[in-house]
Amino acid sequence: MTQPRKPDCSPFLISPLFFSPPGGGIVDQVRSALEHAGGVVLASFGAGNVPSFDWLQEAVKEASKREVLFLNCSQVFKGVVVPIYDVSSAGVVSGRDITPEAALTKMIWVLQEDLSYTERKKLLGLDL
């Protein structure tokens, strides 16, 4: 009789972060969360814009250099992310019309695949 295979799972955490004006520890909270992240789903405003704080743009760029995946989706009902905002140039993949729930599911699926960072990033931008 064969032994059941032990699942190869990485720790998983969903950490909602809400942006308000800098202060109250939000900068440290975001930097700390990005330090240990494999992937991040951004639930942005309207057509994909997030707060334009310099520290946030830098944190996303730094995390992208460490091969943290970013997928941007709109929190607006029937919203569409247009990749023209600063976060797109920082390495964030546009989820176009994906819902936040589908974006989270997609991120989880892509992260568990045995692929390179480039292949994972490409998959995030495709309809699966």
N, C-alpha and C. Protein backbone atom coordinates (compact mmCIF):
# COMPACT_ATOMS: atom_id res chain seq x y z
N MET A 1 0.85 -1.19 0.00
CA MET A 1 0.00 0.00 0.00
C MET A 1 0.89 1.25 0.00
N THR A 2 0.63 2.17 -0.90
CA THR A 2 1.44 3.38 -0.96
C THR A 2 0.98 4.40 0.06
N GLN A 3 1.94 5.16 0.50
CA GLN A 3 1.65 6.22 1.47
C GLN A 3 1.07 7.43 0.75
N PRO A 4 0.09 8.08 1.34
CA PRO A 4 -0.42 9.31 0.70
C PRO A 4 0.70 10.34 0.62
N ARG A 5 0.69 11.06 -0.46
CA ARG A 5 1.70 12.10 -0.67
C ARG A 5 1.42 13.28 0.24
N LYS A 6 2.45 13.76 0.90
CA LYS A 6 2.33 14.94 1.76
C LYS A 6 2.31 16.17 0.87
N PRO A 7 1.31 17.05 1.03
CA PRO A 7 1.26 18.23 0.17
C PRO A 7 2.45 19.15 0.39
N ASP A 8 2.94 19.72 -0.69
CA ASP A 8 4.04 20.66 -0.64
C ASP A 8 3.44 22.06 -0.63
N CYS A 9 3.19 22.57 0.56
CA CYS A 9 2.49 23.86 0.69
C CYS A 9 3.38 24.90 1.35
N SER A 10 3.32 26.10 0.85
CA SER A 10 3.98 27.22 1.48
C SER A 10 2.98 27.91 2.39
N PRO A 11 3.48 28.60 3.41
CA PRO A 11 2.55 29.35 4.26
C PRO A 11 1.76 30.35 3.43
N PHE A 12 0.52 30.56 3.80
CA PHE A 12 -0.35 31.45 3.05
C PHE A 12 -0.98 32.45 4.00
N LEU A 13 -1.01 33.70 3.59
CA LEU A 13 -1.57 34.75 4.42
C LEU A 13 -2.27 35.76 3.53
N ILE A 14 -3.46 36.13 3.93
CA ILE A 14 -4.16 37.23 3.27
C ILE A 14 -4.14 38.38 4.26
N SER A 15 -3.58 39.48 3.83
CA SER A 15 -3.45 40.63 4.71
C SER A 15 -4.04 41.87 4.05
N PRO A 16 -5.26 42.21 4.41
CA PRO A 16 -5.84 43.42 3.80
C PRO A 16 -5.17 44.67 4.37
N LEU A 17 -4.75 45.53 3.47
CA LEU A 17 -4.16 46.81 3.87
C LEU A 17 -4.98 47.91 3.24
N PHE A 18 -5.38 48.85 4.04
CA PHE A 18 -6.19 49.95 3.55
C PHE A 18 -5.35 51.21 3.60
N PHE A 19 -5.34 51.95 2.50
CA PHE A 19 -4.49 53.13 2.43
C PHE A 19 -5.23 54.35 2.95
N SER A 20 -4.52 55.07 3.77
CA SER A 20 -4.98 56.35 4.27
C SER A 20 -3.77 57.27 4.15
N PRO A 21 -3.90 58.52 4.46
CA PRO A 21 -2.71 59.37 4.39
C PRO A 21 -1.57 58.77 5.20
N PRO A 22 -0.31 58.93 4.73
CA PRO A 22 0.83 58.36 5.45
C PRO A 22 0.80 58.72 6.92
N GLY A 23 1.14 57.77 7.72
CA GLY A 23 1.13 57.95 9.15
C GLY A 23 0.47 56.75 9.80
N GLY A 24 0.50 56.69 11.07
CA GLY A 24 -0.15 55.60 11.76
C GLY A 24 0.49 54.25 11.49
N GLY A 25 1.71 54.24 10.97
CA GLY A 25 2.42 52.99 10.75
C GLY A 25 2.13 52.30 9.44
N ILE A 26 1.32 52.88 8.56
CA ILE A 26 0.97 52.21 7.31
C ILE A 26 2.20 51.96 6.43
N VAL A 27 3.16 52.88 6.43
CA VAL A 27 4.36 52.70 5.62
C VAL A 27 5.11 51.45 6.09
N ASP A 28 5.33 51.34 7.39
CA ASP A 28 6.04 50.17 7.93
C ASP A 28 5.23 48.89 7.72
N GLN A 29 3.92 48.99 7.84
CA GLN A 29 3.04 47.84 7.65
C GLN A 29 3.15 47.30 6.21
N VAL A 30 3.13 48.18 5.24
CA VAL A 30 3.23 47.76 3.84
C VAL A 30 4.61 47.19 3.56
N ARG A 31 5.65 47.88 3.99
CA ARG A 31 7.01 47.38 3.75
C ARG A 31 7.21 46.00 4.38
N SER A 32 6.71 45.82 5.58
CA SER A 32 6.84 44.53 6.27
C SER A 32 6.09 43.43 5.53
N ALA A 33 4.88 43.73 5.06
CA ALA A 33 4.09 42.75 4.33
C ALA A 33 4.79 42.36 3.02
N LEU A 34 5.36 43.33 2.32
CA LEU A 34 6.04 43.07 1.05
C LEU A 34 7.33 42.29 1.24
N GLU A 35 7.95 42.44 2.40
CA GLU A 35 9.21 41.75 2.67
C GLU A 35 9.05 40.23 2.61
N HIS A 36 7.89 39.72 2.96
CA HIS A 36 7.67 38.27 3.04
C HIS A 36 6.69 37.76 1.99
N ALA A 37 6.27 38.61 1.08
CA ALA A 37 5.24 38.23 0.11
C ALA A 37 5.84 37.52 -1.10
N GLY A 38 5.05 36.60 -1.65
CA GLY A 38 5.38 35.99 -2.93
C GLY A 38 4.55 36.63 -4.03
N GLY A 39 3.38 37.12 -3.63
CA GLY A 39 2.47 37.75 -4.57
C GLY A 39 1.52 38.69 -3.85
N VAL A 40 1.11 39.72 -4.56
CA VAL A 40 0.22 40.74 -3.99
C VAL A 40 -0.87 41.06 -5.00
N VAL A 41 -2.12 41.07 -4.52
CA VAL A 41 -3.24 41.51 -5.34
C VAL A 41 -3.61 42.91 -4.87
N LEU A 42 -3.50 43.87 -5.76
CA LEU A 42 -3.88 45.25 -5.45
C LEU A 42 -5.33 45.46 -5.88
N ALA A 43 -6.16 45.88 -4.96
CA ALA A 43 -7.54 46.23 -5.30
C ALA A 43 -7.55 47.76 -5.43
N SER A 44 -7.39 48.22 -6.65
CA SER A 44 -7.19 49.65 -6.89
C SER A 44 -8.51 50.39 -7.12
N PHE A 45 -8.37 51.69 -7.25
CA PHE A 45 -9.52 52.55 -7.50
C PHE A 45 -9.81 52.61 -8.99
N GLY A 46 -11.05 52.81 -9.35
CA GLY A 46 -11.45 53.11 -10.72
C GLY A 46 -10.77 52.28 -11.79
N ALA A 47 -9.95 52.92 -12.60
CA ALA A 47 -9.31 52.27 -13.74
C ALA A 47 -7.91 51.76 -13.42
N GLY A 48 -7.62 51.55 -12.14
CA GLY A 48 -6.34 50.95 -11.78
C GLY A 48 -5.38 51.84 -11.04
N ASN A 49 -5.83 53.00 -10.61
CA ASN A 49 -4.90 53.88 -9.91
C ASN A 49 -4.90 53.57 -8.41
N VAL A 50 -3.73 53.67 -7.83
CA VAL A 50 -3.54 53.50 -6.40
C VAL A 50 -2.97 54.81 -5.87
N PRO A 51 -2.96 55.00 -4.56
CA PRO A 51 -2.39 56.25 -4.05
C PRO A 51 -0.99 56.48 -4.59
N SER A 52 -0.69 57.71 -4.97
CA SER A 52 0.58 58.02 -5.61
C SER A 52 1.66 58.45 -4.62
N PHE A 53 1.68 57.82 -3.48
CA PHE A 53 2.71 58.11 -2.49
C PHE A 53 4.06 57.63 -3.03
N ASP A 54 5.09 58.44 -2.93
CA ASP A 54 6.42 58.04 -3.40
C ASP A 54 6.89 56.76 -2.71
N TRP A 55 6.65 56.65 -1.40
CA TRP A 55 7.11 55.47 -0.66
C TRP A 55 6.44 54.20 -1.17
N LEU A 56 5.18 54.31 -1.62
CA LEU A 56 4.47 53.14 -2.12
C LEU A 56 5.05 52.70 -3.47
N GLN A 57 5.29 53.66 -4.35
CA GLN A 57 5.88 53.34 -5.66
C GLN A 57 7.24 52.67 -5.48
N GLU A 58 8.05 53.21 -4.57
CA GLU A 58 9.37 52.64 -4.32
C GLU A 58 9.26 51.24 -3.72
N ALA A 59 8.33 51.05 -2.80
CA ALA A 59 8.16 49.73 -2.18
C ALA A 59 7.75 48.68 -3.21
N VAL A 60 6.88 49.06 -4.14
CA VAL A 60 6.46 48.13 -5.20
C VAL A 60 7.63 47.83 -6.12
N LYS A 61 8.40 48.84 -6.50
CA LYS A 61 9.56 48.63 -7.37
C LYS A 61 10.58 47.71 -6.70
N GLU A 62 10.86 47.96 -5.42
CA GLU A 62 11.82 47.13 -4.68
C GLU A 62 11.34 45.68 -4.61
N ALA A 63 10.08 45.49 -4.31
CA ALA A 63 9.53 44.13 -4.21
C ALA A 63 9.54 43.43 -5.57
N SER A 64 9.25 44.17 -6.63
CA SER A 64 9.29 43.59 -7.98
C SER A 64 10.69 43.12 -8.33
N LYS A 65 11.70 43.86 -7.91
CA LYS A 65 13.09 43.45 -8.16
C LYS A 65 13.42 42.15 -7.43
N ARG A 66 12.73 41.90 -6.31
CA ARG A 66 12.91 40.64 -5.57
C ARG A 66 11.97 39.54 -6.09
N GLU A 67 11.33 39.81 -7.22
CA GLU A 67 10.44 38.87 -7.91
C GLU A 67 9.15 38.58 -7.15
N VAL A 68 8.65 39.60 -6.45
CA VAL A 68 7.31 39.52 -5.87
C VAL A 68 6.34 39.85 -7.01
N LEU A 69 5.32 39.02 -7.18
CA LEU A 69 4.32 39.23 -8.23
C LEU A 69 3.26 40.21 -7.76
N PHE A 70 2.81 41.09 -8.66
CA PHE A 70 1.74 42.03 -8.37
C PHE A 70 0.68 41.92 -9.45
N LEU A 71 -0.57 41.81 -9.04
CA LEU A 71 -1.71 41.79 -9.96
C LEU A 71 -2.68 42.88 -9.53
N ASN A 72 -2.99 43.78 -10.43
CA ASN A 72 -3.85 44.92 -10.13
C ASN A 72 -5.26 44.67 -10.64
N CYS A 73 -6.24 44.76 -9.75
CA CYS A 73 -7.64 44.65 -10.15
C CYS A 73 -8.40 45.84 -9.58
N SER A 74 -9.52 46.15 -10.19
CA SER A 74 -10.32 47.29 -9.75
C SER A 74 -11.34 46.84 -8.71
N GLN A 75 -11.56 47.68 -7.70
CA GLN A 75 -12.60 47.38 -6.72
C GLN A 75 -13.97 47.88 -7.17
N VAL A 76 -14.00 48.53 -8.33
CA VAL A 76 -15.24 49.09 -8.86
C VAL A 76 -16.03 48.01 -9.59
N PHE A 77 -17.33 47.94 -9.36
CA PHE A 77 -18.18 46.98 -10.06
C PHE A 77 -18.04 47.19 -11.56
N LYS A 78 -17.71 46.16 -12.28
CA LYS A 78 -17.47 46.19 -13.72
C LYS A 78 -16.34 47.15 -14.11
N GLY A 79 -15.40 47.36 -13.18
CA GLY A 79 -14.25 48.21 -13.48
C GLY A 79 -13.23 47.49 -14.34
N VAL A 80 -12.40 48.25 -15.01
CA VAL A 80 -11.34 47.71 -15.86
C VAL A 80 -10.05 48.44 -15.54
N VAL A 81 -8.98 47.68 -15.30
CA VAL A 81 -7.69 48.29 -15.01
C VAL A 81 -7.00 48.65 -16.31
N VAL A 82 -6.69 49.93 -16.46
CA VAL A 82 -5.98 50.43 -17.63
C VAL A 82 -4.52 50.63 -17.21
N PRO A 83 -3.59 49.92 -17.85
CA PRO A 83 -2.19 49.98 -17.39
C PRO A 83 -1.44 51.25 -17.77
N ILE A 84 -1.96 52.40 -17.34
CA ILE A 84 -1.29 53.66 -17.66
C ILE A 84 -0.79 54.37 -16.41
N TYR A 85 -1.06 53.81 -15.24
CA TYR A 85 -0.68 54.47 -14.00
C TYR A 85 0.72 54.05 -13.57
N ASP A 86 1.28 54.77 -12.60
CA ASP A 86 2.65 54.55 -12.15
C ASP A 86 2.94 53.11 -11.74
N VAL A 87 1.97 52.44 -11.13
CA VAL A 87 2.25 51.08 -10.67
C VAL A 87 2.53 50.13 -11.82
N SER A 88 1.99 50.38 -13.00
CA SER A 88 2.26 49.52 -14.15
C SER A 88 3.74 49.57 -14.52
N SER A 89 4.34 50.75 -14.43
CA SER A 89 5.76 50.86 -14.75
C SER A 89 6.63 50.28 -13.64
N ALA A 90 6.04 50.01 -12.49
CA ALA A 90 6.78 49.42 -11.38
C ALA A 90 6.74 47.89 -11.41
N GLY A 91 6.16 47.31 -12.46
CA GLY A 91 6.14 45.85 -12.57
C GLY A 91 4.82 45.21 -12.20
N VAL A 92 3.77 45.98 -12.05
CA VAL A 92 2.46 45.46 -11.69
C VAL A 92 1.72 45.02 -12.95
N VAL A 93 1.17 43.81 -12.93
CA VAL A 93 0.43 43.27 -14.07
C VAL A 93 -1.02 43.75 -13.99
N SER A 94 -1.55 44.23 -15.10
CA SER A 94 -2.95 44.65 -15.16
C SER A 94 -3.85 43.43 -15.20
N GLY A 95 -4.82 43.39 -14.29
CA GLY A 95 -5.81 42.31 -14.30
C GLY A 95 -6.97 42.62 -15.23
N ARG A 96 -6.91 43.75 -15.90
CA ARG A 96 -7.98 44.22 -16.80
C ARG A 96 -9.33 44.16 -16.08
N ASP A 97 -10.23 43.25 -16.46
CA ASP A 97 -11.57 43.23 -15.89
C ASP A 97 -11.77 42.11 -14.86
N ILE A 98 -10.71 41.59 -14.31
CA ILE A 98 -10.81 40.50 -13.33
C ILE A 98 -11.39 41.02 -12.02
N THR A 99 -12.21 40.22 -11.37
CA THR A 99 -12.76 40.60 -10.07
C THR A 99 -11.70 40.36 -8.99
N PRO A 100 -11.81 41.04 -7.86
CA PRO A 100 -10.84 40.81 -6.79
C PRO A 100 -10.79 39.34 -6.35
N GLU A 101 -11.94 38.68 -6.31
CA GLU A 101 -11.98 37.26 -5.89
C GLU A 101 -11.24 36.38 -6.90
N ALA A 102 -11.48 36.63 -8.18
CA ALA A 102 -10.80 35.85 -9.22
C ALA A 102 -9.30 36.16 -9.23
N ALA A 103 -8.94 37.41 -8.97
CA ALA A 103 -7.53 37.80 -8.94
C ALA A 103 -6.80 37.05 -7.83
N LEU A 104 -7.41 36.95 -6.67
CA LEU A 104 -6.81 36.23 -5.55
C LEU A 104 -6.65 34.75 -5.89
N THR A 105 -7.67 34.16 -6.48
CA THR A 105 -7.61 32.75 -6.88
C THR A 105 -6.52 32.53 -7.92
N LYS A 106 -6.43 33.43 -8.88
CA LYS A 106 -5.43 33.34 -9.93
C LYS A 106 -4.02 33.45 -9.33
N MET A 107 -3.84 34.39 -8.42
CA MET A 107 -2.53 34.57 -7.79
C MET A 107 -2.13 33.30 -7.03
N ILE A 108 -3.05 32.73 -6.28
CA ILE A 108 -2.75 31.51 -5.53
C ILE A 108 -2.35 30.39 -6.48
N TRP A 109 -3.09 30.24 -7.57
CA TRP A 109 -2.81 29.18 -8.53
C TRP A 109 -1.44 29.38 -9.18
N VAL A 110 -1.16 30.61 -9.61
CA VAL A 110 0.11 30.90 -10.29
C VAL A 110 1.29 30.68 -9.34
N LEU A 111 1.15 31.09 -8.09
CA LEU A 111 2.24 30.94 -7.13
C LEU A 111 2.57 29.48 -6.84
N GLN A 112 1.59 28.59 -6.93
CA GLN A 112 1.86 27.19 -6.62
C GLN A 112 2.45 26.43 -7.80
N GLU A 113 2.43 27.02 -8.98
CA GLU A 113 3.00 26.37 -10.16
C GLU A 113 4.53 26.45 -10.11
N ASP A 114 5.18 25.39 -10.55
CA ASP A 114 6.64 25.33 -10.57
C ASP A 114 7.16 26.01 -11.83
N LEU A 115 7.14 27.33 -11.82
CA LEU A 115 7.52 28.13 -12.99
C LEU A 115 8.49 29.23 -12.58
N SER A 116 9.14 29.81 -13.56
CA SER A 116 10.01 30.95 -13.29
C SER A 116 9.16 32.19 -13.00
N TYR A 117 9.81 33.21 -12.47
CA TYR A 117 9.12 34.47 -12.21
C TYR A 117 8.52 35.04 -13.49
N THR A 118 9.29 35.02 -14.56
CA THR A 118 8.83 35.56 -15.84
C THR A 118 7.61 34.80 -16.35
N GLU A 119 7.64 33.47 -16.24
CA GLU A 119 6.50 32.66 -16.69
C GLU A 119 5.26 32.92 -15.83
N ARG A 120 5.46 33.05 -14.53
CA ARG A 120 4.33 33.35 -13.63
C ARG A 120 3.72 34.71 -13.95
N LYS A 121 4.59 35.69 -14.16
CA LYS A 121 4.12 37.04 -14.46
C LYS A 121 3.33 37.06 -15.77
N LYS A 122 3.80 36.30 -16.76
CA LYS A 122 3.10 36.22 -18.03
C LYS A 122 1.72 35.60 -17.84
N LEU A 123 1.63 34.54 -17.04
CA LEU A 123 0.34 33.89 -16.78
C LEU A 123 -0.66 34.83 -16.10
N LEU A 124 -0.16 35.68 -15.21
CA LEU A 124 -1.05 36.62 -14.54
C LEU A 124 -1.76 37.55 -15.53
N GLY A 125 -1.11 37.84 -16.64
CA GLY A 125 -1.68 38.74 -17.63
C GLY A 125 -2.58 38.06 -18.66
N LEU A 126 -2.71 36.74 -18.56
CA LEU A 126 -3.52 35.99 -19.53
C LEU A 126 -4.85 35.55 -18.94
N ASP A 127 -5.84 35.36 -19.80
CA ASP A 127 -7.07 34.69 -19.38
C ASP A 127 -6.75 33.21 -19.25
N LEU A 128 -7.07 32.63 -18.12
CA LEU A 128 -6.74 31.21 -17.93
C LEU A 128 -7.98 30.35 -18.00
